């Protein structure tokens, strides 16, 4: 009861106060967990699903996956897998048994329980840009290496926008902080500037253990309460083709033992790290992902897992990654079909290859986001702020993407497909007839404030009115909003005693040397 009381003091009313503050900059949609009301797009027939599934099983049985972690290989060998050097082959019976033990839906509870997320089912949740080493905004006019200040600004945007549900990795890598301490400072900022679900990079034991302890402290949990259900998550990437590296597996196993969220996302670029055909690339991606799910279930049956898709293509002229392409969209839809076949939640991404927040950035990101909707994705990484194939984070792009995310959420509202007698409006049609208009009808007057989506960034004036107001282009408007949001930002409340405990932990770990590095 004491813990519940502390949670209430930390969480109760914070979202409402933040919402009221938000009205001073923009009117945005309230915090919600969107439900995808559409049937997923399924480009594969039953034979196609089976063909990809069976190919993934053959890869696991006949070719195998390299596990560059002796502890992981030992666990898999004990379960009956064939281990030769670093190569592990596993039978489909074991794979399907282990996959069946993973839940199809699970929750993530951050320090503010009002921000609890449901992963799976028909929920679709959006996260911020994560991990670019560089930053671009209009005041700079060029890309620069990330700093802590830049990272903090993007965290403030992540907290401010209600359409952002979870805070992934570093929204930009703050290279002005030494790598041995970077995770401590960024997680402190993340846990104090936001109250949403946080993430840990699986980049070495010390970093993973530090982040779990900081999340535990921020939530006011005992060790037992922390492990009762997931409070945070990690996302690991296989080293395609067909390899899992040591630190990713180490973090994966540590979080599995402590009952935290686990997402595995192979980075399979067709034509480079995977076959040039979408079916072949998806089959390889699934084999890599499922092998990690097997490991997690052997460690902790029922471990909360999701598989990710990052299957796209390369530009065959330059070798550069391409995103938001027709191939990316189809691969995402196909992976969604297979995720449902396996009964696992799906992660995809809102990505683009554009270098600045221009038209290319928006059409490629829109393609990526709508592919997430069509595929039945449950978690959308990098949904706001991503540029240059993940090498640049941009606050203007972040704001522009949030306009898209709000429109997607509005698109899913049941009101748009309401066929009740009131919605069919037969009496209003009879009242207006063939010679009037609907502006003044009672039916319209009762609904006009909520009938349609109201943008916070789009400009719907005609050209003359737009030009007379200064002719401000979309990215410029986004820059203005970003500055106003950051300048007026108020962090969510945190119990002073918990903040002091976090500060003390960070100071202690820095004094102990933080995480080991090569320099």
Protein backbone atom coordinates (compact mmCIF):
# COMPACT_ATOMS: atom_id res chain seq x y z
CA UNK A 1 0.00 0.00 0.00
CA UNK A 2 2.90 2.35 0.71
CA UNK A 3 4.25 1.72 -2.79
CA UNK A 4 0.82 2.34 -4.32
CA UNK A 5 0.58 5.60 -2.36
CA UNK A 6 3.96 6.76 -3.67
CA UNK A 7 2.88 5.89 -7.22
CA UNK A 8 -0.27 7.90 -6.80
CA UNK A 9 1.69 10.95 -5.65
CA UNK A 10 4.08 10.60 -8.58
CA UNK A 11 1.62 9.75 -11.31
CA UNK A 12 -1.84 11.01 -10.41
CA UNK A 13 -2.74 14.13 -12.32
CA UNK A 14 0.67 14.62 -13.98
CA UNK A 15 -0.65 13.80 -17.44
CA UNK A 16 -3.58 16.17 -16.96
CA UNK A 17 -1.30 18.99 -15.85
CA UNK A 18 1.01 18.38 -18.77
CA UNK A 19 -1.99 18.44 -21.08
CA UNK A 20 -3.06 21.82 -19.70
CA UNK A 21 0.48 23.17 -20.13
CA UNK A 22 0.50 21.88 -23.70
CA UNK A 23 -2.45 24.05 -24.66
CA UNK A 24 -0.17 27.09 -24.36
CA UNK A 25 1.83 25.87 -27.38
CA UNK A 26 -0.48 23.58 -29.37
CA UNK A 27 -3.76 21.79 -28.90
CA UNK A 28 -2.89 18.13 -29.21
CA UNK A 29 -4.78 14.90 -28.87
CA UNK A 30 -4.89 13.42 -25.36
CA UNK A 31 -2.68 10.54 -24.23
CA UNK A 32 -4.16 7.25 -25.37
CA UNK A 33 -3.15 3.76 -26.42
CA UNK A 34 -4.34 3.61 -30.04
CA UNK A 35 -6.12 0.49 -31.21
CA UNK A 36 -5.69 -0.48 -34.86
CA UNK A 37 -9.26 -1.01 -36.05
CA UNK A 38 -8.37 -2.08 -39.60
CA UNK A 39 -7.83 -5.61 -40.79
CA UNK A 40 -4.14 -6.03 -41.62
CA UNK A 41 -2.93 -6.11 -45.20
CA UNK A 42 -1.88 -9.68 -45.96
CA UNK A 43 -0.03 -9.98 -49.29
CA UNK A 44 0.75 -13.67 -48.68
CA UNK A 45 -1.74 -16.48 -49.04
CA UNK A 46 -1.59 -19.47 -46.70
CA UNK A 47 0.91 -21.23 -48.95
CA UNK A 48 3.12 -18.14 -48.94
CA UNK A 49 3.11 -17.95 -45.14
CA UNK A 50 4.05 -21.61 -44.94
CA UNK A 51 6.80 -21.20 -47.55
CA UNK A 52 8.50 -18.41 -45.59
CA UNK A 53 8.00 -20.21 -42.27
CA UNK A 54 9.47 -23.45 -43.58
CA UNK A 55 12.44 -21.61 -45.08
CA UNK A 56 13.11 -19.94 -41.71
CA UNK A 57 12.96 -23.36 -40.05
CA UNK A 58 15.37 -24.81 -42.61
CA UNK A 59 17.80 -21.96 -41.98
CA UNK A 60 17.70 -22.73 -38.25
CA UNK A 61 18.00 -26.49 -38.75
CA UNK A 62 20.41 -26.78 -41.66
CA UNK A 63 22.53 -23.60 -41.67
CA UNK A 64 22.29 -22.33 -38.10
CA UNK A 65 22.96 -19.02 -36.37
CA UNK A 66 26.30 -17.86 -34.99
CA UNK A 67 25.99 -17.15 -31.25
CA UNK A 68 29.12 -15.25 -30.21
CA UNK A 69 28.44 -15.82 -26.51
CA UNK A 70 29.59 -18.97 -24.76
CA UNK A 71 26.94 -18.76 -22.03
CA UNK A 72 24.17 -18.57 -24.63
CA UNK A 73 25.64 -21.51 -26.54
CA UNK A 74 25.76 -23.54 -23.33
CA UNK A 75 22.08 -22.91 -22.62
CA UNK A 76 21.12 -23.86 -26.17
CA UNK A 77 23.30 -26.98 -26.14
CA UNK A 78 21.71 -28.15 -22.90
CA UNK A 79 18.30 -27.81 -24.60
CA UNK A 80 19.39 -30.15 -27.39
CA UNK A 81 20.61 -27.72 -30.05
CA UNK A 82 23.58 -28.77 -32.18
CA UNK A 83 26.53 -26.53 -31.30
CA UNK A 84 29.65 -26.61 -33.47
CA UNK A 85 32.08 -23.87 -32.56
CA UNK A 86 29.96 -20.71 -32.52
CA UNK A 87 27.32 -22.12 -34.86
CA UNK A 88 24.04 -23.28 -33.34
CA UNK A 89 21.42 -25.31 -35.17
CA UNK A 90 18.03 -25.94 -33.61
CA UNK A 91 15.13 -28.18 -34.60
CA UNK A 92 11.78 -26.73 -35.53
CA UNK A 93 10.01 -28.67 -32.78
CA UNK A 94 12.08 -26.90 -30.12
CA UNK A 95 11.67 -23.55 -31.88
CA UNK A 96 7.89 -23.80 -32.08
CA UNK A 97 7.60 -25.10 -28.51
CA UNK A 98 9.62 -22.18 -27.18
CA UNK A 99 7.82 -19.58 -29.34
CA UNK A 100 4.49 -20.94 -28.09
CA UNK A 101 5.56 -20.27 -24.50
CA UNK A 102 6.05 -16.54 -25.19
CA UNK A 103 2.98 -14.38 -24.43
CA UNK A 104 1.17 -12.80 -27.37
CA UNK A 105 0.48 -9.68 -25.29
CA UNK A 106 2.24 -8.08 -22.32
CA UNK A 107 2.59 -4.77 -20.51
CA UNK A 108 5.34 -2.23 -19.80
CA UNK A 109 4.88 -0.03 -16.73
CA UNK A 110 7.09 3.09 -16.37
CA UNK A 111 7.52 5.21 -13.24
CA UNK A 112 4.17 6.85 -13.95
CA UNK A 113 1.69 3.96 -14.04
CA UNK A 114 -0.74 6.17 -15.99
CA UNK A 115 1.68 5.66 -18.91
CA UNK A 116 1.46 1.86 -18.82
CA UNK A 117 1.63 0.29 -22.30
CA UNK A 118 0.04 -2.82 -23.73
CA UNK A 119 2.34 -4.58 -26.20
CA UNK A 120 0.45 -6.84 -28.58
CA UNK A 121 -3.11 -7.43 -29.62
CA UNK A 122 -4.36 -4.62 -31.85
CA UNK A 123 -2.48 -1.85 -30.05
CA UNK A 124 -0.10 0.30 -32.10
CA UNK A 125 2.31 2.45 -30.10
CA UNK A 126 4.86 5.01 -31.28
CA UNK A 127 8.36 5.78 -30.03
CA UNK A 128 10.86 8.56 -30.61
CA UNK A 129 13.93 8.56 -32.83
CA UNK A 130 16.75 6.58 -31.24
CA UNK A 131 20.52 6.31 -31.69
CA UNK A 132 21.57 8.73 -34.48
CA UNK A 133 25.10 10.05 -33.91
CA UNK A 134 24.29 13.40 -35.54
CA UNK A 135 21.79 16.25 -35.15
CA UNK A 136 20.33 18.79 -37.57
CA UNK A 137 18.06 21.72 -37.01
CA UNK A 138 17.27 24.82 -39.03
CA UNK A 139 19.20 27.16 -36.75
CA UNK A 140 22.36 25.14 -37.43
CA UNK A 141 21.77 24.53 -41.12
CA UNK A 142 24.14 21.57 -41.06
CA UNK A 143 24.56 18.30 -39.22
CA UNK A 144 26.72 18.18 -36.12
CA UNK A 145 27.66 15.42 -33.66
CA UNK A 146 25.08 15.04 -30.91
CA UNK A 147 25.45 16.67 -27.50
CA UNK A 148 23.73 16.23 -24.16
CA UNK A 149 21.81 19.47 -24.69
CA UNK A 150 20.52 18.24 -28.06
CA UNK A 151 19.59 14.91 -26.48
CA UNK A 152 17.72 16.66 -23.68
CA UNK A 153 15.76 18.78 -26.16
CA UNK A 154 14.62 15.66 -28.00
CA UNK A 155 13.69 14.02 -24.70
CA UNK A 156 11.55 17.06 -23.90
CA UNK A 157 9.75 16.67 -27.24
CA UNK A 158 9.32 12.96 -26.48
CA UNK A 159 7.63 13.76 -23.19
CA UNK A 160 5.58 16.65 -24.53
CA UNK A 161 3.84 14.89 -27.41
CA UNK A 162 1.06 12.56 -26.32
CA UNK A 163 1.36 10.58 -29.55
CA UNK A 164 4.80 9.37 -28.40
CA UNK A 165 4.26 6.43 -26.09
CA UNK A 166 7.75 5.18 -25.27
CA UNK A 167 11.25 6.61 -25.19
CA UNK A 168 13.69 4.39 -27.03
CA UNK A 169 17.46 4.69 -26.96
CA UNK A 170 19.34 7.96 -26.93
CA UNK A 171 17.33 10.24 -29.25
CA UNK A 172 20.72 11.49 -30.38
CA UNK A 173 24.06 10.13 -29.20
CA UNK A 174 25.61 12.75 -26.86
CA UNK A 175 29.23 12.37 -27.91
CA UNK A 176 30.29 15.18 -25.58
CA UNK A 177 29.87 12.68 -22.69
CA UNK A 178 32.55 10.01 -22.28
CA UNK A 179 31.21 6.54 -23.24
CA UNK A 180 31.94 5.18 -19.76
CA UNK A 181 29.41 7.64 -18.27
CA UNK A 182 27.10 8.35 -21.18
CA UNK A 183 24.45 5.81 -20.23
CA UNK A 184 24.29 7.19 -16.67
CA UNK A 185 23.73 10.79 -17.72
CA UNK A 186 21.28 10.02 -20.52
CA UNK A 187 19.22 7.65 -18.40
CA UNK A 188 19.14 10.21 -15.60
CA UNK A 189 17.85 12.79 -18.09
CA UNK A 190 15.39 10.30 -19.55
CA UNK A 191 13.98 9.29 -16.17
CA UNK A 192 13.67 12.88 -14.90
CA UNK A 193 12.56 14.66 -18.09
CA UNK A 194 10.04 11.96 -19.04
CA UNK A 195 7.73 9.56 -17.23
CA UNK A 196 7.29 7.20 -20.18
CA UNK A 197 8.63 3.69 -20.75
CA UNK A 198 12.43 3.64 -21.09
CA UNK A 199 14.92 1.41 -22.89
CA UNK A 200 18.36 -0.04 -22.15
CA UNK A 201 21.04 -0.63 -24.76
CA UNK A 202 22.53 -4.12 -24.53
CA UNK A 203 26.10 -2.88 -24.81
CA UNK A 204 27.83 -4.59 -21.93
CA UNK A 205 26.90 -5.93 -18.49
CA UNK A 206 27.61 -2.72 -16.57
CA UNK A 207 25.38 -0.58 -18.76
CA UNK A 208 22.49 -3.03 -18.64
CA UNK A 209 22.71 -3.51 -14.87
CA UNK A 210 23.00 0.25 -14.29
CA UNK A 211 19.92 0.99 -16.36
CA UNK A 212 17.84 -1.68 -14.66
CA UNK A 213 18.82 -0.31 -11.27
CA UNK A 214 18.03 3.27 -12.29
CA UNK A 215 14.62 2.27 -13.62
CA UNK A 216 13.97 0.38 -10.40
CA UNK A 217 14.90 3.41 -8.32
CA UNK A 218 12.85 5.81 -10.47
CA UNK A 219 9.79 3.61 -10.04
CA UNK A 220 10.24 3.30 -6.29
CA UNK A 221 10.23 -0.50 -6.61
CA UNK A 222 11.77 -3.20 -4.50
CA UNK A 223 13.78 -5.80 -6.41
CA UNK A 224 10.84 -8.19 -6.16
CA UNK A 225 8.33 -5.62 -7.43
CA UNK A 226 10.67 -4.66 -10.29
CA UNK A 227 10.74 -8.24 -11.54
CA UNK A 228 7.02 -8.89 -11.07
CA UNK A 229 6.29 -7.56 -14.57
CA UNK A 230 8.25 -5.59 -17.19
CA UNK A 231 9.14 -1.99 -16.29
CA UNK A 232 11.53 -1.40 -19.21
CA UNK A 233 12.86 -3.20 -22.27
CA UNK A 234 15.83 -3.72 -24.52
CA UNK A 235 15.99 -4.01 -28.28
CA UNK A 236 18.81 -6.07 -29.77
CA UNK A 237 19.83 -6.31 -33.41
CA UNK A 238 21.28 -9.44 -34.89
CA UNK A 239 24.44 -8.92 -36.90
CA UNK A 240 23.01 -10.01 -40.20
CA UNK A 241 23.58 -12.35 -41.85
CA UNK A 242 22.94 -15.07 -39.26
CA UNK A 243 24.83 -13.81 -36.23
CA UNK A 244 24.15 -12.61 -32.66
CA UNK A 245 27.06 -10.82 -30.99
CA UNK A 246 28.29 -11.09 -27.40
CA UNK A 247 27.04 -7.86 -25.75
CA UNK A 248 23.58 -8.03 -27.32
CA UNK A 249 23.12 -11.61 -26.11
CA UNK A 250 24.48 -10.74 -22.67
CA UNK A 251 21.93 -7.95 -22.23
CA UNK A 252 19.16 -10.11 -23.66
CA UNK A 253 19.85 -12.83 -21.11
CA UNK A 254 20.14 -10.39 -18.20
CA UNK A 255 16.76 -8.82 -18.94
CA UNK A 256 15.17 -12.23 -19.51
CA UNK A 257 16.27 -13.35 -16.04
CA UNK A 258 14.70 -10.25 -14.49
CA UNK A 259 11.45 -10.46 -16.46
CA UNK A 260 11.89 -7.29 -18.50
CA UNK A 261 10.74 -6.64 -22.09
CA UNK A 262 12.73 -8.16 -24.96
CA UNK A 263 12.63 -7.09 -28.60
CA UNK A 264 14.87 -8.58 -31.29
CA UNK A 265 15.11 -6.74 -34.62
CA UNK A 266 17.35 -8.17 -37.34
CA UNK A 267 18.73 -5.42 -39.61
CA UNK A 268 18.34 -7.21 -42.92
CA UNK A 269 18.99 -5.03 -45.96
CA UNK A 270 18.01 -7.01 -49.04
CA UNK A 271 20.88 -7.25 -51.48
CA UNK A 272 23.51 -6.60 -48.82
CA UNK A 273 23.00 -8.49 -45.53
CA UNK A 274 20.12 -10.62 -46.81
CA UNK A 275 18.92 -12.10 -50.10
CA UNK A 276 17.90 -9.57 -52.73
CA UNK A 277 14.36 -10.96 -52.80
CA UNK A 278 11.86 -9.86 -50.16
CA UNK A 279 10.73 -13.42 -49.37
CA UNK A 280 14.32 -14.54 -48.80
CA UNK A 281 15.15 -11.48 -46.71
CA UNK A 282 12.05 -11.94 -44.53
CA UNK A 283 12.77 -15.66 -44.03
CA UNK A 284 16.33 -14.91 -42.92
CA UNK A 285 15.15 -12.12 -40.63
CA UNK A 286 12.64 -14.45 -38.96
CA UNK A 287 15.25 -17.14 -38.41
CA UNK A 288 17.55 -14.66 -36.69
CA UNK A 289 14.74 -13.27 -34.53
CA UNK A 290 13.22 -16.59 -33.53
CA UNK A 291 16.58 -17.98 -32.42
CA UNK A 292 16.80 -15.18 -29.82
CA UNK A 293 13.22 -15.84 -28.68
CA UNK A 294 14.16 -19.50 -28.13
CA UNK A 295 17.09 -18.45 -25.93
CA UNK A 296 14.89 -16.13 -23.84
CA UNK A 297 12.25 -18.81 -23.29
CA UNK A 298 14.87 -21.36 -22.23
CA UNK A 299 16.10 -18.90 -19.61
CA UNK A 300 12.65 -17.84 -18.41
CA UNK A 301 9.57 -19.59 -19.83
CA UNK A 302 7.00 -16.95 -20.59
CA UNK A 303 9.57 -14.17 -21.06
CA UNK A 304 7.97 -11.16 -22.75
CA UNK A 305 9.32 -11.07 -26.30
CA UNK A 306 8.54 -9.27 -29.53
CA UNK A 307 10.12 -9.65 -32.94
CA UNK A 308 11.11 -6.67 -35.02
CA UNK A 309 11.34 -6.12 -38.73
CA UNK A 310 13.95 -3.86 -40.23
CA UNK A 311 13.92 -5.44 -43.66
CA UNK A 312 14.44 -2.98 -46.48
CA UNK A 313 16.60 -2.71 -49.56
CA UNK A 314 19.79 -0.96 -50.60
CA UNK A 315 20.37 1.40 -53.48
CA UNK A 316 22.10 -0.93 -55.91
CA UNK A 317 23.90 2.06 -57.45
CA UNK A 318 25.56 3.19 -54.23
CA UNK A 319 24.98 0.48 -51.62
CA UNK A 320 23.26 3.02 -49.35
CA UNK A 321 20.23 1.87 -47.32
CA UNK A 322 16.82 2.85 -48.68
CA UNK A 323 13.73 3.21 -46.50
CA UNK A 324 10.05 3.85 -47.01
CA UNK A 325 10.25 2.00 -50.30
CA UNK A 326 7.63 -0.33 -51.81
CA UNK A 327 9.94 -3.19 -50.87
CA UNK A 328 10.13 -2.01 -47.26
CA UNK A 329 6.34 -1.77 -47.08
CA UNK A 330 5.77 -5.27 -48.45
CA UNK A 331 8.46 -6.80 -46.23
CA UNK A 332 6.84 -5.19 -43.19
CA UNK A 333 3.39 -6.48 -44.16
CA UNK A 334 4.77 -9.98 -44.76
CA UNK A 335 6.59 -10.01 -41.44
CA UNK A 336 3.35 -8.93 -39.77
CA UNK A 337 1.63 -12.00 -41.19
CA UNK A 338 4.36 -14.24 -39.83
CA UNK A 339 4.34 -12.51 -36.43
CA UNK A 340 0.65 -13.34 -36.13
CA UNK A 341 1.40 -16.89 -37.27
CA UNK A 342 3.89 -17.21 -34.39
CA UNK A 343 1.67 -15.35 -31.92
CA UNK A 344 4.29 -12.69 -31.17
CA UNK A 345 3.99 -8.88 -30.99
CA UNK A 346 5.66 -6.99 -33.84
CA UNK A 347 7.97 -4.00 -33.88
CA UNK A 348 8.63 -1.93 -37.04
CA UNK A 349 9.96 1.57 -37.68
CA UNK A 350 9.09 5.00 -39.10
CA UNK A 351 12.14 5.51 -41.27
CA UNK A 352 13.42 7.43 -44.27
CA UNK A 353 16.66 8.00 -46.16
CA UNK A 354 16.20 11.78 -46.64
CA UNK A 355 18.89 14.09 -45.30
CA UNK A 356 16.71 17.06 -44.29
CA UNK A 357 13.01 17.41 -43.34
CA UNK A 358 11.77 17.86 -46.90
CA UNK A 359 9.19 16.20 -49.14
CA UNK A 360 11.24 13.03 -49.52
CA UNK A 361 11.49 12.74 -45.74
CA UNK A 362 7.73 12.94 -45.35
CA UNK A 363 6.66 10.59 -48.15
CA UNK A 364 9.19 7.93 -47.12
CA UNK A 365 8.26 8.24 -43.44
CA UNK A 366 4.55 8.17 -44.30
CA UNK A 367 5.11 4.99 -46.29
CA UNK A 368 6.94 3.47 -43.33
CA UNK A 369 4.28 4.50 -40.82
CA UNK A 370 1.37 3.31 -42.94
CA UNK A 371 3.20 0.02 -43.51
CA UNK A 372 3.24 -0.27 -39.71
CA UNK A 373 -0.51 0.27 -39.64
CA UNK A 374 -1.11 -2.18 -42.48
CA UNK A 375 1.12 -4.87 -40.97
CA UNK A 376 -0.51 -4.85 -37.54
CA UNK A 377 2.67 -3.55 -35.91
CA UNK A 378 2.45 -3.11 -32.13
CA UNK A 379 5.53 -0.92 -31.50
CA UNK A 380 6.78 1.61 -34.02
CA UNK A 381 10.37 2.65 -33.37
CA UNK A 382 11.82 5.91 -34.73
CA UNK A 383 8.31 7.20 -35.40
CA UNK A 384 9.37 10.83 -34.98
CA UNK A 385 12.62 12.61 -35.80
CA UNK A 386 14.62 10.20 -38.00
CA UNK A 387 16.70 11.32 -41.02
CA UNK A 388 19.56 10.03 -43.22
CA UNK A 389 18.81 6.38 -42.63
CA UNK A 390 19.25 6.78 -38.89
CA UNK A 391 22.36 8.96 -38.92
CA UNK A 392 20.59 12.25 -38.11
CA UNK A 393 18.00 13.25 -35.51
CA UNK A 394 16.05 16.43 -36.22
CA UNK A 395 13.61 18.30 -33.95
CA UNK A 396 11.80 19.79 -36.95
CA UNK A 397 11.31 16.33 -38.41
CA UNK A 398 10.14 15.19 -34.95
CA UNK A 399 7.37 17.82 -34.90
CA UNK A 400 6.40 17.10 -38.52
CA UNK A 401 6.18 13.37 -37.82
CA UNK A 402 3.98 13.95 -34.78
CA UNK A 403 1.46 15.61 -37.10
CA UNK A 404 1.39 12.37 -39.11
CA UNK A 405 1.09 10.26 -35.95
CA UNK A 406 -1.86 12.28 -34.71
CA UNK A 407 -3.58 11.88 -38.08
CA UNK A 408 -3.04 8.12 -37.93
CA UNK A 409 -4.55 8.05 -34.45
CA UNK A 410 -7.53 10.08 -35.65
CA UNK A 411 -7.94 7.74 -38.63
CA UNK A 412 -8.37 4.85 -36.17
CA UNK A 413 -11.09 6.49 -34.06
CA UNK A 414 -14.39 4.55 -34.21
CA UNK A 415 -16.28 7.82 -34.75
CA UNK A 416 -15.11 7.86 -38.37
CA UNK A 417 -16.94 4.62 -39.13
CA UNK A 418 -19.97 5.21 -36.88
CA UNK A 419 -23.15 4.09 -38.65
CA UNK A 420 -25.62 4.88 -35.90
CA UNK A 421 -28.86 6.65 -36.75
CA UNK A 422 -27.39 9.97 -35.58
CA UNK A 423 -24.27 9.48 -37.70
CA UNK A 424 -26.25 8.57 -40.82
CA UNK A 425 -27.93 11.99 -40.51
CA UNK A 426 -31.00 11.18 -42.56
CA UNK A 427 -33.06 13.94 -40.91
CA UNK A 428 -30.33 16.50 -41.63
CA UNK A 429 -30.27 15.46 -45.29
CA UNK A 430 -34.06 15.85 -45.46
CA UNK A 431 -33.85 19.25 -43.74
CA UNK A 432 -31.30 20.64 -46.23
CA UNK A 433 -32.71 18.94 -49.31
CA UNK A 434 -31.27 19.87 -52.70
CA UNK A 435 -31.03 23.66 -52.28
CA UNK A 436 -29.39 24.38 -48.92
CA UNK A 437 -26.18 23.71 -47.04
CA UNK A 438 -25.23 21.90 -43.85
CA UNK A 439 -23.23 24.63 -42.07
CA UNK A 440 -26.19 25.90 -40.09
CA UNK A 441 -28.03 22.68 -39.34
CA UNK A 442 -28.40 21.57 -35.73
CA UNK A 443 -26.69 18.32 -36.68
CA UNK A 444 -23.56 20.25 -37.75
CA UNK A 445 -23.70 22.74 -34.88
CA UNK A 446 -23.67 19.92 -32.34
CA UNK A 447 -20.55 18.38 -33.89
CA UNK A 448 -18.51 21.01 -35.68
CA UNK A 449 -15.79 21.35 -33.03
CA UNK A 450 -14.97 17.62 -33.01
CA UNK A 451 -16.15 16.41 -36.42
CA UNK A 452 -12.77 16.65 -38.17
CA UNK A 453 -9.10 16.39 -37.35
CA UNK A 454 -7.57 19.76 -36.46
CA UNK A 455 -3.87 19.97 -37.36
CA UNK A 456 -1.33 21.78 -35.21
CA UNK A 457 1.26 22.14 -37.98
CA UNK A 458 -0.50 22.01 -41.36
CA UNK A 459 -1.51 25.36 -42.87
CA UNK A 460 -4.88 25.14 -44.64
CA UNK A 461 -5.10 28.79 -45.77
CA UNK A 462 -5.09 29.60 -49.47
CA UNK A 463 -1.91 30.80 -51.13
CA UNK A 464 -2.68 34.51 -50.79
CA UNK A 465 -3.43 34.26 -47.06
CA UNK A 466 -0.39 32.05 -46.49
CA UNK A 467 1.87 34.47 -48.41
CA UNK A 468 0.45 37.49 -46.59
CA UNK A 469 1.28 35.80 -43.26
CA UNK A 470 4.93 35.48 -44.29
CA UNK A 471 4.90 32.40 -46.53
CA UNK A 472 6.34 30.15 -43.82
CA UNK A 473 7.18 26.67 -45.06
CA UNK A 474 6.34 23.55 -43.05
CA UNK A 475 9.83 22.88 -41.66
CA UNK A 476 10.10 26.51 -40.56
CA UNK A 477 6.78 26.26 -38.72
CA UNK A 478 8.00 23.05 -37.11
CA UNK A 479 11.18 24.79 -35.98
CA UNK A 480 9.15 27.52 -34.30
CA UNK A 481 6.96 24.99 -32.49
CA UNK A 482 9.98 22.96 -31.38
CA UNK A 483 11.59 26.05 -29.84
CA UNK A 484 8.40 27.09 -28.07
CA UNK A 485 7.84 23.60 -26.66
CA UNK A 486 11.40 23.23 -25.40
CA UNK A 487 11.57 26.77 -24.01
CA UNK A 488 8.34 26.34 -22.01
CA UNK A 489 8.93 22.72 -21.00
CA UNK A 490 8.20 21.61 -17.44
CA UNK A 491 9.43 18.12 -16.48
CA UNK A 492 6.98 15.67 -14.94
CA UNK A 493 6.96 15.60 -11.16
CA UNK A 494 9.26 13.24 -9.31
CA UNK A 495 9.46 12.53 -5.59
CA UNK A 496 12.51 14.51 -4.32
CA UNK A 497 13.74 11.50 -2.36
CA UNK A 498 13.70 9.34 -5.49
CA UNK A 499 15.55 12.01 -7.47
CA UNK A 500 18.19 12.22 -4.74
CA UNK A 501 18.57 8.43 -4.80
CA UNK A 502 19.02 8.51 -8.57
CA UNK A 503 21.60 11.29 -8.30
CA UNK A 504 23.49 9.35 -5.63
CA UNK A 505 23.52 6.20 -7.76
CA UNK A 506 24.86 8.08 -10.79
CA UNK A 507 27.55 9.74 -8.68
CA UNK A 508 28.56 6.39 -7.16
CA UNK A 509 28.82 4.64 -10.50
CA UNK A 510 30.85 7.49 -11.97
CA UNK A 511 33.21 7.31 -8.99
CA UNK A 512 33.55 3.57 -9.64
CA UNK A 513 34.51 4.27 -13.26
CA UNK A 514 31.19 3.69 -15.01
CA UNK A 515 31.27 1.17 -17.85
CA UNK A 516 34.65 -0.06 -19.16
CA UNK A 517 35.75 1.26 -22.55
CA UNK A 518 38.75 0.88 -24.84
CA UNK A 519 40.02 4.37 -24.01
